[in-house]
Protein backbone atom coordinates (compact mmCIF):
# COMPACT_ATOMS: atom_id res chain seq x y z
CA GLN A 1 161.27 104.48 52.99
CA VAL A 2 157.74 105.02 54.26
CA GLN A 3 156.64 104.32 57.82
CA LEU A 4 153.05 103.26 58.42
CA VAL A 5 151.06 103.57 61.65
CA GLU A 6 147.59 102.10 62.07
CA SER A 7 145.01 103.44 64.50
CA GLY A 8 141.31 103.20 65.23
CA GLY A 9 141.05 99.64 66.48
CA GLY A 10 139.07 98.70 69.54
CA LEU A 11 136.21 96.67 70.95
CA VAL A 12 132.84 96.85 69.24
CA GLN A 13 129.64 94.84 69.36
CA SER A 14 128.49 92.73 66.46
CA GLY A 15 126.77 94.93 63.90
CA GLY A 16 128.79 97.97 64.89
CA SER A 17 131.28 100.06 62.97
CA LEU A 18 134.90 101.13 63.23
CA ARG A 19 137.10 103.32 61.10
CA LEU A 20 140.75 102.39 60.84
CA SER A 21 143.39 104.83 59.67
CA CYS A 22 146.82 104.16 58.22
CA GLU A 23 149.03 107.24 58.43
CA ALA A 24 152.28 107.45 56.53
CA SER A 25 155.43 109.30 57.42
CA GLY A 26 158.90 109.53 56.01
CA ARG A 27 157.62 109.77 52.49
CA THR A 28 154.41 110.78 50.80
CA VAL A 29 152.08 107.85 50.33
CA THR A 30 150.84 109.32 47.06
CA ASN A 31 152.78 106.91 44.83
CA TYR A 32 152.10 103.81 46.93
CA ALA A 33 149.39 101.25 46.43
CA VAL A 34 148.06 100.48 49.90
CA GLY A 35 146.37 97.41 51.27
CA TRP A 36 144.71 96.32 54.50
CA PHE A 37 145.30 92.81 55.80
CA ARG A 38 144.25 91.05 58.97
CA GLN A 39 145.51 88.21 61.08
CA ALA A 40 143.38 86.32 63.57
CA PRO A 41 144.95 84.21 66.33
CA GLY A 42 146.34 80.98 64.92
CA LYS A 43 145.64 81.99 61.33
CA GLU A 44 147.67 83.36 58.48
CA ARG A 45 147.58 87.00 57.51
CA GLU A 46 144.87 87.53 54.89
CA PHE A 47 143.98 90.20 52.41
CA VAL A 48 141.09 92.53 53.24
CA ALA A 49 141.15 95.50 50.84
CA ALA A 50 143.48 97.43 48.55
CA ILE A 51 143.52 100.77 46.80
CA SER A 52 145.63 101.99 43.91
CA TRP A 53 147.98 104.93 44.28
CA SER A 54 145.52 107.13 42.41
CA GLY A 55 142.53 105.89 44.38
CA GLY A 56 140.82 104.94 41.15
CA SER A 57 140.86 101.19 41.74
CA THR A 58 139.86 99.21 44.78
CA PHE A 59 139.68 95.51 45.58
CA TYR A 60 138.01 93.69 48.44
CA ALA A 61 138.04 90.20 49.85
CA ASP A 62 134.70 88.47 49.33
CA SER A 63 134.25 88.21 53.08
CA VAL A 64 134.13 92.01 53.51
CA LYS A 65 132.65 93.16 50.21
CA GLY A 66 129.68 95.43 50.79
CA ARG A 67 130.62 96.02 54.43
CA PHE A 68 134.10 97.57 54.27
CA THR A 69 135.24 100.59 52.27
CA ILE A 70 138.84 101.60 51.63
CA SER A 71 139.66 105.18 50.77
CA ARG A 72 142.67 107.43 50.66
CA ASP A 73 143.40 111.08 51.33
CA ASN A 74 146.74 111.84 49.72
CA ALA A 75 146.65 115.37 51.11
CA GLU A 76 146.54 113.88 54.61
CA ASN A 77 148.99 111.12 53.65
CA ALA A 78 146.56 108.53 54.98
CA VAL A 79 144.41 105.59 53.96
CA ALA A 80 141.24 104.65 55.82
CA LEU A 81 139.22 101.47 56.17
CA GLN A 82 135.58 102.02 57.12
CA MET A 83 134.17 98.82 58.58
CA ASN A 84 130.41 98.46 58.97
CA SER A 85 128.19 95.57 60.03
CA LEU A 86 131.06 94.01 61.88
CA LYS A 87 130.93 90.32 62.77
CA PRO A 88 132.78 88.31 65.41
CA GLU A 89 134.77 86.65 62.63
CA ASP A 90 136.21 90.07 61.74
CA THR A 91 138.17 89.97 65.01
CA ALA A 92 141.87 90.22 64.18
CA VAL A 93 144.90 92.45 64.18
CA TYR A 94 144.58 94.71 61.15
CA TYR A 95 147.69 95.77 59.28
CA CYS A 96 148.20 98.25 56.50
CA GLY A 97 150.87 97.68 53.93
CA ALA A 98 152.22 99.64 50.99
CA SER A 99 154.28 99.14 47.88
CA LEU A 100 155.77 101.90 45.75
CA PHE A 101 154.27 102.21 42.27
CA ALA A 102 152.87 98.70 42.51
CA PRO A 103 149.89 97.71 40.35
CA VAL A 104 147.09 97.40 42.83
CA HIS A 105 146.28 93.80 41.94
CA THR A 106 149.78 92.75 43.01
CA ILE A 107 149.31 93.86 46.61
CA ARG A 108 146.42 91.51 47.31
CA VAL A 109 148.94 89.01 48.63
CA VAL A 110 151.29 89.31 51.58
CA ASN A 111 154.35 88.92 49.37
CA GLY A 112 153.29 91.92 47.33
CA ILE A 113 153.76 94.31 50.24
CA ASN A 114 157.08 96.07 50.81
CA PHE A 115 156.29 98.08 53.95
CA TRP A 116 154.10 97.13 56.89
CA GLY A 117 152.68 98.89 59.90
CA LYS A 118 152.60 97.24 63.31
CA GLY A 119 148.87 96.66 63.35
CA THR A 120 145.82 97.63 65.38
CA LEU A 121 143.56 95.17 67.19
CA VAL A 122 139.88 94.92 66.31
CA THR A 123 137.67 92.84 68.59
CA VAL A 124 134.03 92.22 67.71
CA SER A 125 131.90 90.78 70.48
CA SER A 126 128.81 88.69 69.81
């Protein structure tokens, strides 16, 4: 079983950038498809970005396409989410999730994730 820990959240002004990291322990994350999700107060958890276990395929929600970039460093057992041009509506708790050997398109929904981290808070001020 893999354990996931997110870091890198914080307070940033609109238009700024943050880089989130999802570090895995317990098992190598190499064979896991990994996704980033977010949950704003009073809203359901929503998909943000996903990357295949090989790193060859990525998917993004329309709301973040062109602003966010997901990447993975299997040697470091970590997946990153670079967030640029942040907007107040990006404010949420960001979670990473992983599923072993899952086709990447299947982890674009909450039910497709087997393992979750505890989240990191991102606040974007206007």
